[in-house]
């Protein structure tokens, strides 16, 4: 039987049967397998499928699918997506970094636990994520402000409004966007700093456009 370990010649039929059963189990249920310069294995804690290269390093290439446990059901990895919005005015105090409380869940895939009313979002799966965060002032133009996105309490993205005379108008929306490698469980928080106490949520230019957070995981493959 190709690919199995060599064993001593059995002494009797019973020992031969035991050796054969062990060899069959190793072939049918291996803990890892070699494919060229890669070794495929499963994480005993998470069940994730991991590919490790012989020269070092590894990558999670699949996670256990959400389903009814039917081994014959095959599903494609179509990625993950979440969009949250702030549609009602939220007062942000002056000279303080304050987190958005997202009052509207627009859409999410089933792997996200987030619901309306949260201020932080947990990333459900390891992977490469496209992150968009848009903060819009809901009232006056005047006053400077900044949009800040944190991952596990550490600032990863920031945008600041330009310095302008107080009597002049400025664009009341800031957008930050980037592609981030994020682990499962990472906490995403979106904050605002403003020089004047101001309402944020829908844009003062068009109140059908709300402040939002979108998280999109690129599918594997």
Protein backbone atom coordinates (compact mmCIF):
# COMPACT_ATOMS: atom_id res chain seq x y z
CA UNK A 1 0.00 0.00 0.00
CA UNK A 2 1.85 3.09 -1.28
CA UNK A 3 2.52 5.88 1.21
CA UNK A 4 2.17 3.82 4.38
CA UNK A 5 4.91 2.96 6.87
CA UNK A 6 6.77 -0.33 6.62
CA UNK A 7 5.86 -2.88 9.27
CA UNK A 8 7.32 -6.20 10.39
CA UNK A 9 5.97 -9.41 8.89
CA UNK A 10 2.96 -10.45 11.02
CA UNK A 11 3.29 -13.57 13.17
CA UNK A 12 -0.27 -14.73 12.57
CA UNK A 13 -3.54 -13.80 10.88
CA UNK A 14 -4.78 -11.78 13.85
CA UNK A 15 -1.66 -9.57 13.86
CA UNK A 16 -1.92 -9.17 10.09
CA UNK A 17 -5.54 -8.01 10.46
CA UNK A 18 -4.59 -5.47 13.16
CA UNK A 19 -1.70 -4.08 11.07
CA UNK A 20 -3.92 -3.80 8.01
CA UNK A 21 -6.61 -1.93 9.95
CA UNK A 22 -4.07 0.57 11.34
CA UNK A 23 -2.65 1.18 7.85
CA UNK A 24 -6.12 1.75 6.41
CA UNK A 25 -6.95 4.26 9.15
CA UNK A 26 -3.72 6.17 8.48
CA UNK A 27 -4.59 6.46 4.79
CA UNK A 28 -8.27 7.31 5.26
CA UNK A 29 -7.89 9.70 8.21
CA UNK A 30 -4.40 11.28 8.09
CA UNK A 31 -3.59 14.16 10.45
CA UNK A 32 -1.53 15.75 7.66
CA UNK A 33 -0.53 15.13 4.07
CA UNK A 34 2.34 16.27 1.84
CA UNK A 35 1.61 17.95 -1.49
CA UNK A 36 4.83 18.90 -3.25
CA UNK A 37 6.53 21.52 -1.07
CA UNK A 38 3.40 22.01 1.08
CA UNK A 39 2.04 20.12 4.08
CA UNK A 40 -1.72 20.27 4.66
CA UNK A 41 -2.93 19.86 8.24
CA UNK A 42 -5.88 20.79 10.43
CA UNK A 43 -5.69 22.95 13.54
CA UNK A 44 -6.86 20.73 16.44
CA UNK A 45 -8.51 23.68 18.22
CA UNK A 46 -10.26 25.54 15.38
CA UNK A 47 -10.53 22.90 12.68
CA UNK A 48 -9.00 25.34 10.17
CA UNK A 49 -7.16 23.81 7.20
CA UNK A 50 -3.56 25.09 7.20
CA UNK A 51 -0.95 24.87 4.45
CA UNK A 52 2.65 25.00 5.71
CA UNK A 53 5.60 25.42 3.34
CA UNK A 54 8.77 23.39 3.75
CA UNK A 55 10.81 26.60 3.74
CA UNK A 56 8.79 27.99 6.63
CA UNK A 57 5.54 29.86 7.11
CA UNK A 58 1.94 28.82 6.77
CA UNK A 59 -1.48 30.12 5.77
CA UNK A 60 -5.07 29.30 6.68
CA UNK A 61 -6.70 28.20 3.43
CA UNK A 62 -10.12 27.15 4.71
CA UNK A 63 -12.28 27.30 7.81
CA UNK A 64 -15.01 24.84 8.79
CA UNK A 65 -18.16 25.74 6.81
CA UNK A 66 -21.36 26.76 8.53
CA UNK A 67 -23.95 24.12 7.67
CA UNK A 68 -25.90 21.12 8.77
CA UNK A 69 -22.88 18.85 9.00
CA UNK A 70 -23.61 17.02 5.75
CA UNK A 71 -20.22 15.98 4.38
CA UNK A 72 -21.66 15.72 0.85
CA UNK A 73 -22.66 19.40 0.77
CA UNK A 74 -19.92 21.50 -0.86
CA UNK A 75 -20.06 25.29 -0.60
CA UNK A 76 -17.84 27.84 -2.29
CA UNK A 77 -16.04 30.50 -0.28
CA UNK A 78 -17.81 33.65 -1.41
CA UNK A 79 -16.12 35.88 1.17
CA UNK A 80 -17.64 37.80 4.06
CA UNK A 81 -19.37 41.18 4.16
CA UNK A 82 -20.81 43.56 6.73
CA UNK A 83 -22.27 47.05 6.48
CA UNK A 84 -23.33 49.15 9.46
CA UNK A 85 -24.65 52.72 9.37
CA UNK A 86 -25.41 55.62 11.69
CA UNK A 87 -28.67 57.12 10.41
CA UNK A 88 -29.80 59.05 13.49
CA UNK A 89 -27.79 62.01 14.81
CA UNK A 90 -25.14 61.10 17.37
CA UNK A 91 -23.70 63.93 19.44
CA UNK A 92 -19.91 63.89 19.62
CA UNK A 93 -18.40 66.09 22.39
CA UNK A 94 -15.62 68.55 21.62
CA UNK A 95 -11.96 67.58 21.94
CA UNK A 96 -12.75 63.93 22.71
CA UNK A 97 -12.39 60.74 20.67
CA UNK A 98 -15.85 59.18 20.68
CA UNK A 99 -16.86 55.88 19.07
CA UNK A 100 -19.77 55.63 16.69
CA UNK A 101 -22.68 53.51 17.89
CA UNK A 102 -24.03 51.95 14.72
CA UNK A 103 -27.83 52.08 14.84
CA UNK A 104 -28.58 50.28 11.55
CA UNK A 105 -27.47 46.91 10.21
CA UNK A 106 -27.68 47.10 6.42
CA UNK A 107 -26.36 43.66 5.53
CA UNK A 108 -24.10 40.91 6.83
CA UNK A 109 -23.06 37.37 6.01
CA UNK A 110 -23.85 34.67 8.54
CA UNK A 111 -20.33 34.51 10.00
CA UNK A 112 -20.70 37.97 11.60
CA UNK A 113 -22.23 38.26 15.07
CA UNK A 114 -22.60 42.07 14.90
CA UNK A 115 -26.06 43.63 15.20
CA UNK A 116 -27.43 47.18 15.27
CA UNK A 117 -26.46 49.04 18.44
CA UNK A 118 -22.81 47.94 18.61
CA UNK A 119 -19.79 50.25 18.84
CA UNK A 120 -17.19 47.62 17.93
CA UNK A 121 -17.23 44.70 15.53
CA UNK A 122 -15.36 41.39 15.89
CA UNK A 123 -13.72 40.00 12.74
CA UNK A 124 -15.12 36.46 12.27
CA UNK A 125 -12.32 34.91 10.18
CA UNK A 126 -8.61 35.30 9.52
CA UNK A 127 -7.98 36.90 6.15
CA UNK A 128 -7.41 39.91 3.97
CA UNK A 129 -10.10 42.52 4.59
CA UNK A 130 -11.11 45.63 2.68
CA UNK A 131 -12.15 48.23 5.26
CA UNK A 132 -14.16 51.40 4.56
CA UNK A 133 -15.18 53.91 7.25
CA UNK A 134 -17.04 57.12 6.42
CA UNK A 135 -17.84 59.79 9.03
CA UNK A 136 -20.30 62.57 8.11
CA UNK A 137 -21.25 65.69 10.06
CA UNK A 138 -24.99 66.08 10.41
CA UNK A 139 -25.21 69.81 11.17
CA UNK A 140 -22.85 72.76 10.77
CA UNK A 141 -19.90 72.90 8.41
CA UNK A 142 -17.58 74.81 10.74
CA UNK A 143 -15.19 73.11 13.11
CA UNK A 144 -12.44 70.64 12.34
CA UNK A 145 -12.80 66.92 12.91
CA UNK A 146 -11.01 63.60 12.38
CA UNK A 147 -12.13 60.06 11.55
CA UNK A 148 -10.11 57.31 13.26
CA UNK A 149 -10.35 53.53 12.85
CA UNK A 150 -8.85 51.29 15.55
CA UNK A 151 -8.02 47.58 15.52
CA UNK A 152 -7.86 46.15 19.04
CA UNK A 153 -7.52 49.67 20.42
CA UNK A 154 -4.62 50.64 18.14
CA UNK A 155 -5.20 53.29 15.47
CA UNK A 156 -4.71 51.88 11.97
CA UNK A 157 -6.35 54.55 9.77
CA UNK A 158 -7.03 58.27 10.21
CA UNK A 159 -8.26 61.21 8.13
CA UNK A 160 -8.39 64.84 9.26
CA UNK A 161 -10.28 67.79 7.85
CA UNK A 162 -8.06 70.60 6.52
CA UNK A 163 -7.31 73.82 8.38
CA UNK A 164 -9.75 76.47 7.12
CA UNK A 165 -11.05 79.85 8.30
CA UNK A 166 -13.99 79.38 10.63
CA UNK A 167 -16.33 81.33 8.37
CA UNK A 168 -15.68 79.09 5.38
CA UNK A 169 -17.50 75.86 4.59
CA UNK A 170 -15.75 72.51 4.29
CA UNK A 171 -16.68 69.06 3.07
CA UNK A 172 -18.55 67.47 6.03
CA UNK A 173 -17.52 63.87 5.22
CA UNK A 174 -14.23 62.04 5.79
CA UNK A 175 -13.47 58.56 4.42
CA UNK A 176 -10.69 56.16 5.37
CA UNK A 177 -10.04 52.96 3.46
CA UNK A 178 -7.36 50.27 3.38
CA UNK A 179 -6.74 46.53 2.94
CA UNK A 180 -5.73 44.92 6.24
CA UNK A 181 -4.65 41.42 7.20
CA UNK A 182 -6.82 40.73 10.23
CA UNK A 183 -7.08 37.73 12.56
CA UNK A 184 -10.34 36.26 13.74
CA UNK A 185 -11.54 38.08 16.86
CA UNK A 186 -9.91 41.43 16.03
CA UNK A 187 -12.10 44.31 17.27
CA UNK A 188 -12.87 47.16 14.85
CA UNK A 189 -13.91 50.53 16.34
CA UNK A 190 -14.63 53.78 14.49
CA UNK A 191 -14.14 57.05 16.37
CA UNK A 192 -14.54 60.78 15.76
CA UNK A 193 -12.62 63.73 17.17
CA UNK A 194 -14.19 67.16 16.72
CA UNK A 195 -13.11 70.69 17.70
CA UNK A 196 -16.74 71.62 18.38
CA UNK A 197 -19.51 69.52 19.88
CA UNK A 198 -21.32 68.31 16.76
CA UNK A 199 -23.84 65.79 15.52
CA UNK A 200 -22.61 63.00 13.26
CA UNK A 201 -24.59 60.46 11.28
CA UNK A 202 -26.37 61.55 8.08
CA UNK A 203 -24.53 64.06 5.90
CA UNK A 204 -25.69 67.67 6.18
CA UNK A 205 -25.40 67.87 2.38
CA UNK A 206 -27.65 64.88 1.79
CA UNK A 207 -29.37 63.23 4.73
CA UNK A 208 -29.97 60.01 2.77
CA UNK A 209 -26.20 59.40 2.96
CA UNK A 210 -25.23 58.09 6.38
CA UNK A 211 -21.95 57.49 8.18
CA UNK A 212 -20.98 53.84 7.70
CA UNK A 213 -18.55 50.98 8.21
CA UNK A 214 -18.09 48.20 5.67
CA UNK A 215 -15.90 45.12 6.08
CA UNK A 216 -15.29 42.81 3.12
CA UNK A 217 -13.15 39.66 3.22
CA UNK A 218 -11.63 38.52 -0.04
CA UNK A 219 -12.63 34.91 -0.87
CA UNK A 220 -9.98 32.21 -0.84
CA UNK A 221 -8.76 31.08 -4.21
